[in-house]
Amino acid sequence: MIIKVIFQKEVSAFFNSIIAYLVICVFLIGVGLFFWVFPDNILETRAAELSSLFGIAPWFFLFLIPAITMRSFAEEFKLGTFEILSTKPVTEWQILLGKYFAAVFLVIFSLLPTLFYYATVYYLAKPTGNLDNGAIIGAYLGLLAIGIVFCAIGIFSSCLTDSQIVAFIIGVFLSFFIYTAFDFLAELKVFEEYNHFILQLGMLEHYRSISRGVVDSRDLTYFASVIVFFLFLTRTVLLQKKK
């Protein structure tokens, strides 16, 4: 019940600010430009696929999700409301999960309009509906997984500071690192013998895997592990701040 109250409070606060509409509009317009306007768009390639959507969306998430989560705890610390909340009969997990689920809800809400692109490609395909639906479903699952991992990272970043700007920068950096850095490290000659292992540590490799339409338990375990890791880190920081 308490988690639900915090969830509703966070979602309401988000939609009562201009940031909510700005974030969602930037995401949808940005993805739409790559899908319809920029070179290699679907109208030029005539390909009945959504690869441009699934290729560019994670990069928008790198910036937009930290913008969603940056106020989660940073604003509470700045206004002093976290100390008041801590005196109530509510646990750190309830506060944390309420805020986390609100961020996840907003990511899902932002993704829903992209189904319009799927519908468009579905009817443009010849014959109609000639799509690799398995790969598309897998890619959507992978994109959602990336989004909810970034939410966990963003919540963690927000609990480290009382500045929303600093929380945003930390969130972008950590999300960028876990999404792409291991691919760069794997390409270095010094790590050549450990190439496969290093790739498995990064999110991009698991996103590629699940986007092929094969939902592997190893990929799901990876995403779940990263989420749990950052949520536990967040709880640890919150416990330290209460002392």
C-alpha atoms as a PDB file:
ATOM      1  CA  MET A   1       0.000   0.000   0.000  1.00  0.00           C
ATOM      2  CA  ILE A   2       2.809   2.412   0.931  1.00  0.00           C
ATOM      3  CA  ILE A   3       4.662   1.534  -2.280  1.00  0.00           C
ATOM      4  CA  LYS A   4       1.493   2.345  -4.222  1.00  0.00           C
ATOM      5  CA  VAL A   5       1.149   5.743  -2.509  1.00  0.00           C
ATOM      6  CA  ILE A   6       4.774   6.655  -3.271  1.00  0.00           C
ATOM      7  CA  PHE A   7       4.351   5.370  -6.840  1.00  0.00           C
ATOM      8  CA  GLN A   8       1.279   7.566  -7.393  1.00  0.00           C
ATOM      9  CA  LYS A   9       3.004  10.580  -5.824  1.00  0.00           C
ATOM     10  CA  GLU A  10       6.050  10.206  -8.095  1.00  0.00           C
ATOM     11  CA  VAL A  11       4.025   9.749 -11.292  1.00  0.00           C
ATOM     12  CA  SER A  12       1.768  12.679 -10.390  1.00  0.00           C
ATOM     13  CA  ALA A  13       4.750  14.928  -9.644  1.00  0.00           C
ATOM     14  CA  PHE A  14       6.359  13.985 -12.937  1.00  0.00           C
ATOM     15  CA  PHE A  15       3.303  14.786 -15.032  1.00  0.00           C
ATOM     16  CA  ASN A  16       2.799  18.039 -13.159  1.00  0.00           C
ATOM     17  CA  SER A  17       6.143  19.295 -14.450  1.00  0.00           C
ATOM     18  CA  ILE A  18       7.139  20.434 -17.922  1.00  0.00           C
ATOM     19  CA  ILE A  19      10.016  17.930 -17.877  1.00  0.00           C
ATOM     20  CA  ALA A  20       7.583  15.032 -18.332  1.00  0.00           C
ATOM     21  CA  TYR A  21       6.189  16.272 -21.608  1.00  0.00           C
ATOM     22  CA  LEU A  22       9.566  17.530 -22.798  1.00  0.00           C
ATOM     23  CA  VAL A  23      11.239  14.164 -22.173  1.00  0.00           C
ATOM     24  CA  ILE A  24       8.513  12.146 -23.888  1.00  0.00           C
ATOM     25  CA  CYS A  25       8.290  14.546 -26.842  1.00  0.00           C
ATOM     26  CA  VAL A  26      12.068  14.583 -27.353  1.00  0.00           C
ATOM     27  CA  PHE A  27      12.135  10.791 -27.329  1.00  0.00           C
ATOM     28  CA  LEU A  28       9.250  10.350 -29.785  1.00  0.00           C
ATOM     29  CA  ILE A  29      10.332  13.164 -32.120  1.00  0.00           C
ATOM     30  CA  GLY A  30      13.959  12.053 -32.090  1.00  0.00           C
ATOM     31  CA  VAL A  31      13.139   8.429 -32.840  1.00  0.00           C
ATOM     32  CA  GLY A  32      10.610   9.545 -35.454  1.00  0.00           C
ATOM     33  CA  LEU A  33      13.213  11.620 -37.282  1.00  0.00           C
ATOM     34  CA  PHE A  34      15.577   8.663 -37.556  1.00  0.00           C
ATOM     35  CA  PHE A  35      12.686   6.439 -38.585  1.00  0.00           C
ATOM     36  CA  TRP A  36      11.108   8.693 -41.233  1.00  0.00           C
ATOM     37  CA  VAL A  37      13.429  11.588 -42.163  1.00  0.00           C
ATOM     38  CA  PHE A  38      17.157  11.037 -41.718  1.00  0.00           C
ATOM     39  CA  PRO A  39      19.193   9.037 -44.277  1.00  0.00           C
ATOM     40  CA  ASP A  40      18.510   5.288 -44.431  1.00  0.00           C
ATOM     41  CA  ASN A  41      14.980   5.873 -43.150  1.00  0.00           C
ATOM     42  CA  ILE A  42      12.268   3.329 -43.830  1.00  0.00           C
ATOM     43  CA  LEU A  43      10.867   5.237 -46.815  1.00  0.00           C
ATOM     44  CA  GLU A  44      14.268   5.127 -48.553  1.00  0.00           C
ATOM     45  CA  THR A  45      15.192   1.545 -47.733  1.00  0.00           C
ATOM     46  CA  ARG A  46      11.650   0.173 -48.244  1.00  0.00           C
ATOM     47  CA  ALA A  47      12.579  -2.479 -45.695  1.00  0.00           C
ATOM     48  CA  ALA A  48       9.758  -3.896 -43.588  1.00  0.00           C
ATOM     49  CA  GLU A  49      11.687  -3.766 -40.328  1.00  0.00           C
ATOM     50  CA  LEU A  50      12.127  -1.649 -37.215  1.00  0.00           C
ATOM     51  CA  SER A  51      15.907  -1.865 -36.909  1.00  0.00           C
ATOM     52  CA  SER A  52      16.305   1.925 -36.986  1.00  0.00           C
ATOM     53  CA  LEU A  53      13.935   2.251 -34.014  1.00  0.00           C
ATOM     54  CA  PHE A  54      15.690  -0.387 -31.941  1.00  0.00           C
ATOM     55  CA  GLY A  55      19.104   0.903 -32.941  1.00  0.00           C
ATOM     56  CA  ILE A  56      18.586   4.521 -31.911  1.00  0.00           C
ATOM     57  CA  ALA A  57      16.124   4.234 -28.993  1.00  0.00           C
ATOM     58  CA  PRO A  58      18.723   3.019 -26.417  1.00  0.00           C
ATOM     59  CA  TRP A  59      20.849   6.101 -27.162  1.00  0.00           C
ATOM     60  CA  PHE A  60      17.916   8.368 -26.408  1.00  0.00           C
ATOM     61  CA  PHE A  61      17.274   6.358 -23.247  1.00  0.00           C
ATOM     62  CA  LEU A  62      20.849   7.117 -22.146  1.00  0.00           C
ATOM     63  CA  PHE A  63      19.849  10.746 -21.677  1.00  0.00           C
ATOM     64  CA  LEU A  64      16.097  10.690 -21.176  1.00  0.00           C
ATOM     65  CA  ILE A  65      15.889   8.137 -18.362  1.00  0.00           C
ATOM     66  CA  PRO A  66      18.442   9.961 -16.168  1.00  0.00           C
ATOM     67  CA  ALA A  67      16.289  13.067 -16.790  1.00  0.00           C
ATOM     68  CA  ILE A  68      13.276  11.133 -15.483  1.00  0.00           C
ATOM     69  CA  THR A  69      15.036   9.758 -12.407  1.00  0.00           C
ATOM     70  CA  MET A  70      17.332  12.652 -11.446  1.00  0.00           C
ATOM     71  CA  ARG A  71      14.790  14.227  -9.089  1.00  0.00           C
ATOM     72  CA  SER A  72      13.799  10.964  -7.352  1.00  0.00           C
ATOM     73  CA  PHE A  73      15.995  11.343  -4.253  1.00  0.00           C
ATOM     74  CA  ALA A  74      18.034  14.451  -5.076  1.00  0.00           C
ATOM     75  CA  GLU A  75      14.983  16.684  -4.666  1.00  0.00           C
ATOM     76  CA  GLU A  76      14.024  14.931  -1.417  1.00  0.00           C
ATOM     77  CA  PHE A  77      17.508  15.572  -0.007  1.00  0.00           C
ATOM     78  CA  LYS A  78      17.539  19.196  -1.151  1.00  0.00           C
ATOM     79  CA  LEU A  79      14.135  19.997   0.355  1.00  0.00           C
ATOM     80  CA  GLY A  80      14.777  17.967   3.508  1.00  0.00           C
ATOM     81  CA  THR A  81      11.684  15.824   2.961  1.00  0.00           C
ATOM     82  CA  PHE A  82      13.650  12.568   3.003  1.00  0.00           C
ATOM     83  CA  GLU A  83      14.454  13.054   6.695  1.00  0.00           C
ATOM     84  CA  ILE A  84      10.758  13.608   7.396  1.00  0.00           C
ATOM     85  CA  LEU A  85       9.817  10.559   5.314  1.00  0.00           C
ATOM     86  CA  SER A  86      12.396   8.483   7.175  1.00  0.00           C
ATOM     87  CA  THR A  87      10.644   9.154  10.490  1.00  0.00           C
ATOM     88  CA  LYS A  88       7.422   7.636   9.179  1.00  0.00           C
ATOM     89  CA  PRO A  89       6.597   3.915   9.487  1.00  0.00           C
ATOM     90  CA  VAL A  90       8.022   3.209   6.055  1.00  0.00           C
ATOM     91  CA  THR A  91      11.093   1.185   5.076  1.00  0.00           C
ATOM     92  CA  GLU A  92      13.873   2.103   2.670  1.00  0.00           C
ATOM     93  CA  TRP A  93      12.707  -0.654   0.333  1.00  0.00           C
ATOM     94  CA  GLN A  94       9.182   0.774   0.207  1.00  0.00           C
ATOM     95  CA  ILE A  95      10.466   4.253  -0.628  1.00  0.00           C
ATOM     96  CA  LEU A  96      12.952   2.892  -3.130  1.00  0.00           C
ATOM     97  CA  LEU A  97      10.565   0.527  -4.910  1.00  0.00           C
ATOM     98  CA  GLY A  98       7.793   3.118  -5.071  1.00  0.00           C
ATOM     99  CA  LYS A  99      10.113   5.527  -6.861  1.00  0.00           C
ATOM    100  CA  TYR A 100      11.637   2.810  -9.037  1.00  0.00           C
ATOM    101  CA  PHE A 101       8.276   1.436 -10.228  1.00  0.00           C
ATOM    102  CA  ALA A 102       7.162   4.984 -11.049  1.00  0.00           C
ATOM    103  CA  ALA A 103      10.238   5.456 -13.259  1.00  0.00           C
ATOM    104  CA  VAL A 104       9.618   2.088 -14.972  1.00  0.00           C
ATOM    105  CA  PHE A 105       5.984   3.055 -15.586  1.00  0.00           C
ATOM    106  CA  LEU A 106       7.082   6.275 -17.267  1.00  0.00           C
ATOM    107  CA  VAL A 107       9.488   4.368 -19.526  1.00  0.00           C
ATOM    108  CA  ILE A 108       6.711   1.981 -20.572  1.00  0.00           C
ATOM    109  CA  PHE A 109       4.395   4.953 -21.112  1.00  0.00           C
ATOM    110  CA  SER A 110       7.014   6.532 -23.400  1.00  0.00           C
ATOM    111  CA  LEU A 111       7.423   3.308 -25.391  1.00  0.00           C
ATOM    112  CA  LEU A 112       3.736   2.714 -26.070  1.00  0.00           C
ATOM    113  CA  PRO A 113       3.407   5.378 -28.830  1.00  0.00           C
ATOM    114  CA  THR A 114       6.207   3.669 -30.775  1.00  0.00           C
ATOM    115  CA  LEU A 115       3.738   0.865 -31.523  1.00  0.00           C
ATOM    116  CA  PHE A 116       2.472   3.283 -34.173  1.00  0.00           C
ATOM    117  CA  TYR A 117       5.726   2.645 -36.072  1.00  0.00           C
ATOM    118  CA  TYR A 118       5.095  -1.083 -35.885  1.00  0.00           C
ATOM    119  CA  ALA A 119       1.564  -0.627 -37.215  1.00  0.00           C
ATOM    120  CA  THR A 120       2.857   1.535 -40.065  1.00  0.00           C
ATOM    121  CA  VAL A 121       5.503  -0.984 -41.105  1.00  0.00           C
ATOM    122  CA  TYR A 122       2.979  -3.798 -40.746  1.00  0.00           C
ATOM    123  CA  TYR A 123       0.669  -2.236 -43.332  1.00  0.00           C
ATOM    124  CA  LEU A 124       3.485  -1.036 -45.621  1.00  0.00           C
ATOM    125  CA  ALA A 125       4.982  -4.513 -45.868  1.00  0.00           C
ATOM    126  CA  LYS A 126       4.278  -6.528 -49.002  1.00  0.00           C
ATOM    127  CA  PRO A 127       2.372  -8.664 -48.427  1.00  0.00           C
ATOM    128  CA  THR A 128       0.745  -6.901 -45.486  1.00  0.00           C
ATOM    129  CA  GLY A 129       2.022  -8.203 -42.181  1.00  0.00           C
ATOM    130  CA  ASN A 130       5.144  -9.795 -43.675  1.00  0.00           C
ATOM    131  CA  LEU A 131       7.331  -9.032 -40.648  1.00  0.00           C
ATOM    132  CA  ASP A 132       9.640 -10.978 -38.401  1.00  0.00           C
ATOM    133  CA  ASN A 133       7.386 -10.599 -35.388  1.00  0.00           C
ATOM    134  CA  GLY A 134       9.569 -12.816 -33.227  1.00  0.00           C
ATOM    135  CA  ALA A 135      12.563 -10.523 -33.662  1.00  0.00           C
ATOM    136  CA  ILE A 136      10.404  -7.424 -33.125  1.00  0.00           C
ATOM    137  CA  ILE A 137       8.945  -8.772 -29.880  1.00  0.00           C
ATOM    138  CA  GLY A 138      12.433  -9.736 -28.734  1.00  0.00           C
ATOM    139  CA  ALA A 139      13.768  -6.277 -29.589  1.00  0.00           C
ATOM    140  CA  TYR A 140      10.937  -4.619 -27.671  1.00  0.00           C
ATOM    141  CA  LEU A 141      11.678  -6.841 -24.674  1.00  0.00           C
ATOM    142  CA  GLY A 142      15.348  -5.939 -24.948  1.00  0.00           C
ATOM    143  CA  LEU A 143      14.547  -2.233 -25.206  1.00  0.00           C
ATOM    144  CA  LEU A 144      12.278  -2.455 -22.182  1.00  0.00           C
ATOM    145  CA  ALA A 145      14.997  -4.331 -20.286  1.00  0.00           C
ATOM    146  CA  ILE A 146      17.497  -1.579 -21.103  1.00  0.00           C
ATOM    147  CA  GLY A 147      14.987   1.021 -19.933  1.00  0.00           C
ATOM    148  CA  ILE A 148      14.330  -0.593 -16.561  1.00  0.00           C
ATOM    149  CA  VAL A 149      18.059  -1.149 -15.985  1.00  0.00           C
ATOM    150  CA  PHE A 150      18.700   2.543 -16.720  1.00  0.00           C
ATOM    151  CA  CYS A 151      15.921   3.352 -14.226  1.00  0.00           C
ATOM    152  CA  ALA A 152      17.761   1.421 -11.506  1.00  0.00           C
ATOM    153  CA  ILE A 153      20.998   3.215 -12.406  1.00  0.00           C
ATOM    154  CA  GLY A 154      19.241   6.591 -12.452  1.00  0.00           C
ATOM    155  CA  ILE A 155      17.613   6.020  -9.054  1.00  0.00           C
ATOM    156  CA  PHE A 156      21.004   5.068  -7.640  1.00  0.00           C
ATOM    157  CA  SER A 157      22.614   8.184  -9.137  1.00  0.00           C
ATOM    158  CA  SER A 158      19.895  10.374  -7.642  1.00  0.00           C
ATOM    159  CA  CYS A 159      20.500   9.022  -4.123  1.00  0.00           C
ATOM    160  CA  LEU A 160      24.163  10.093  -4.244  1.00  0.00           C
ATOM    161  CA  THR A 161      23.555  13.841  -4.293  1.00  0.00           C
ATOM    162  CA  ASP A 162      21.091  16.631  -3.592  1.00  0.00           C
ATOM    163  CA  SER A 163      21.735  18.170  -7.029  1.00  0.00           C
ATOM    164  CA  GLN A 164      19.513  17.029  -9.876  1.00  0.00           C
ATOM    165  CA  ILE A 165      22.101  18.143 -12.442  1.00  0.00           C
ATOM    166  CA  VAL A 166      24.846  16.092 -10.795  1.00  0.00           C
ATOM    167  CA  ALA A 167      22.457  13.131 -10.527  1.00  0.00           C
ATOM    168  CA  PHE A 168      21.702  13.463 -14.244  1.00  0.00           C
ATOM    169  CA  ILE A 169      25.403  13.535 -15.189  1.00  0.00           C
ATOM    170  CA  ILE A 170      26.221  10.518 -13.009  1.00  0.00           C
ATOM    171  CA  GLY A 171      23.224   8.641 -14.415  1.00  0.00           C
ATOM    172  CA  VAL A 172      24.251   9.316 -18.019  1.00  0.00           C
ATOM    173  CA  PHE A 173      27.857   8.310 -17.347  1.00  0.00           C
ATOM    174  CA  LEU A 174      27.013   5.043 -15.570  1.00  0.00           C
ATOM    175  CA  SER A 175      24.366   4.114 -18.150  1.00  0.00           C
ATOM    176  CA  PHE A 176      26.743   4.853 -21.027  1.00  0.00           C
ATOM    177  CA  PHE A 177      29.501   2.847 -19.366  1.00  0.00           C
ATOM    178  CA  ILE A 178      27.464  -0.291 -18.747  1.00  0.00           C
ATOM    179  CA  TYR A 179      25.829  -0.085 -22.183  1.00  0.00           C
ATOM    180  CA  THR A 180      28.893   0.424 -24.394  1.00  0.00           C
ATOM    181  CA  ALA A 181      32.184   0.423 -22.469  1.00  0.00           C
ATOM    182  CA  PHE A 182      32.642  -3.337 -22.378  1.00  0.00           C
ATOM    183  CA  ASP A 183      32.363  -3.536 -26.161  1.00  0.00           C
ATOM    184  CA  PHE A 184      35.243  -1.057 -26.454  1.00  0.00           C
ATOM    185  CA  LEU A 185      37.304  -2.940 -23.873  1.00  0.00           C
ATOM    186  CA  ALA A 186      36.726  -6.246 -25.675  1.00  0.00           C
ATOM    187  CA  GLU A 187      38.227  -4.772 -28.848  1.00  0.00           C
ATOM    188  CA  LEU A 188      41.511  -3.921 -27.136  1.00  0.00           C
ATOM    189  CA  LYS A 189      44.307  -6.282 -28.073  1.00  0.00           C
ATOM    190  CA  VAL A 190      45.416  -6.641 -24.465  1.00  0.00           C
ATOM    191  CA  PHE A 191      42.074  -8.268 -23.619  1.00  0.00           C
ATOM    192  CA  GLU A 192      41.923 -10.423 -26.743  1.00  0.00           C
ATOM    193  CA  GLU A 193      41.916 -13.715 -24.813  1.00  0.00           C
ATOM    194  CA  TYR A 194      39.011 -12.555 -22.648  1.00  0.00           C
ATOM    195  CA  ASN A 195      36.986 -11.010 -25.468  1.00  0.00           C
ATOM    196  CA  HIS A 196      33.858 -13.134 -25.018  1.00  0.00           C
ATOM    197  CA  PHE A 197      33.827 -12.811 -21.228  1.00  0.00           C
ATOM    198  CA  ILE A 198      34.173  -9.018 -21.355  1.00  0.00           C
ATOM    199  CA  LEU A 199      31.395  -8.725 -23.933  1.00  0.00           C
ATOM    200  CA  GLN A 200      29.080 -10.680 -21.632  1.00  0.00           C
ATOM    201  CA  LEU A 201      29.604  -8.076 -18.923  1.00  0.00           C
ATOM    202  CA  GLY A 202      28.149  -5.343 -21.132  1.00  0.00           C
ATOM    203  CA  MET A 203      24.494  -4.643 -21.793  1.00  0.00           C
ATOM    204  CA  LEU A 204      24.837  -4.108 -25.529  1.00  0.00           C
ATOM    205  CA  GLU A 205      25.819  -7.729 -26.186  1.00  0.00           C
ATOM    206  CA  HIS A 206      22.756  -9.033 -24.314  1.00  0.00           C
ATOM    207  CA  TYR A 207      20.531  -6.533 -26.102  1.00  0.00           C
ATOM    208  CA  ARG A 208      21.833  -7.792 -29.453  1.00  0.00           C
ATOM    209  CA  SER A 209      21.160 -11.352 -28.358  1.00  0.00           C
ATOM    210  CA  ILE A 210      17.583 -10.841 -27.235  1.00  0.00           C
ATOM    211  CA  SER A 211      16.830  -8.628 -30.276  1.00  0.00           C
ATOM    212  CA  ARG A 212      17.304 -11.652 -32.538  1.00  0.00           C
ATOM    213  CA  GLY A 213      13.998 -12.964 -31.216  1.00  0.00           C
ATOM    214  CA  VAL A 214      15.439 -15.669 -28.983  1.00  0.00           C
ATOM    215  CA  VAL A 215      14.723 -14.956 -25.319  1.00  0.00           C
ATOM    216  CA  ASP A 216      17.646 -16.620 -23.553  1.00  0.00           C
ATOM    217  CA  SER A 217      17.494 -17.089 -19.784  1.00  0.00           C
ATOM    218  CA  ARG A 218      21.117 -15.904 -19.575  1.00  0.00           C
ATOM    219  CA  ASP A 219      20.140 -12.520 -21.017  1.00  0.00           C
ATOM    220  CA  LEU A 220      17.190 -12.173 -18.645  1.00  0.00           C
ATOM    221  CA  THR A 221      19.388 -13.181 -15.719  1.00  0.00           C
ATOM    222  CA  TYR A 222      21.928 -10.539 -16.709  1.00  0.00           C
ATOM    223  CA  PHE A 223      19.372  -7.720 -16.821  1.00  0.00           C
ATOM    224  CA  ALA A 224      17.751  -8.842 -13.558  1.00  0.00           C
ATOM    225  CA  SER A 225      21.157  -9.041 -11.846  1.00  0.00           C
ATOM    226  CA  VAL A 226      22.138  -5.517 -12.855  1.00  0.00           C
ATOM    227  CA  ILE A 227      18.795  -4.162 -11.630  1.00  0.00           C
ATOM    228  CA  VAL A 228      19.074  -5.936  -8.268  1.00  0.00           C
ATOM    229  CA  PHE A 229      22.700  -4.820  -7.905  1.00  0.00           C
ATOM    230  CA  PHE A 230      21.893  -1.120  -8.324  1.00  0.00           C
ATOM    231  CA  LEU A 231      18.768  -1.301  -6.163  1.00  0.00           C
ATOM    232  CA  PHE A 232      20.785  -2.859  -3.343  1.00  0.00           C
ATOM    233  CA  LEU A 233      23.456  -0.182  -3.791  1.00  0.00           C
ATOM    234  CA  THR A 234      20.747   2.473  -3.536  1.00  0.00           C
ATOM    235  CA  ARG A 235      19.340   0.967  -0.338  1.00  0.00           C
ATOM    236  CA  THR A 236      22.847   0.845   1.150  1.00  0.00           C
ATOM    237  CA  VAL A 237      23.377   4.543   0.423  1.00  0.00           C
ATOM    238  CA  LEU A 238      19.960   5.424   1.890  1.00  0.00           C
ATOM    239  CA  LEU A 239      20.794   3.522   5.087  1.00  0.00           C
ATOM    240  CA  GLN A 240      24.044   5.468   5.375  1.00  0.00           C
ATOM    241  CA  LYS A 241      22.234   8.782   4.928  1.00  0.00           C
ATOM    242  CA  LYS A 242      19.805   7.930   7.736  1.00  0.00           C
ATOM    243  CA  LYS A 243      22.640   7.579  10.269  1.00  0.00           C
END
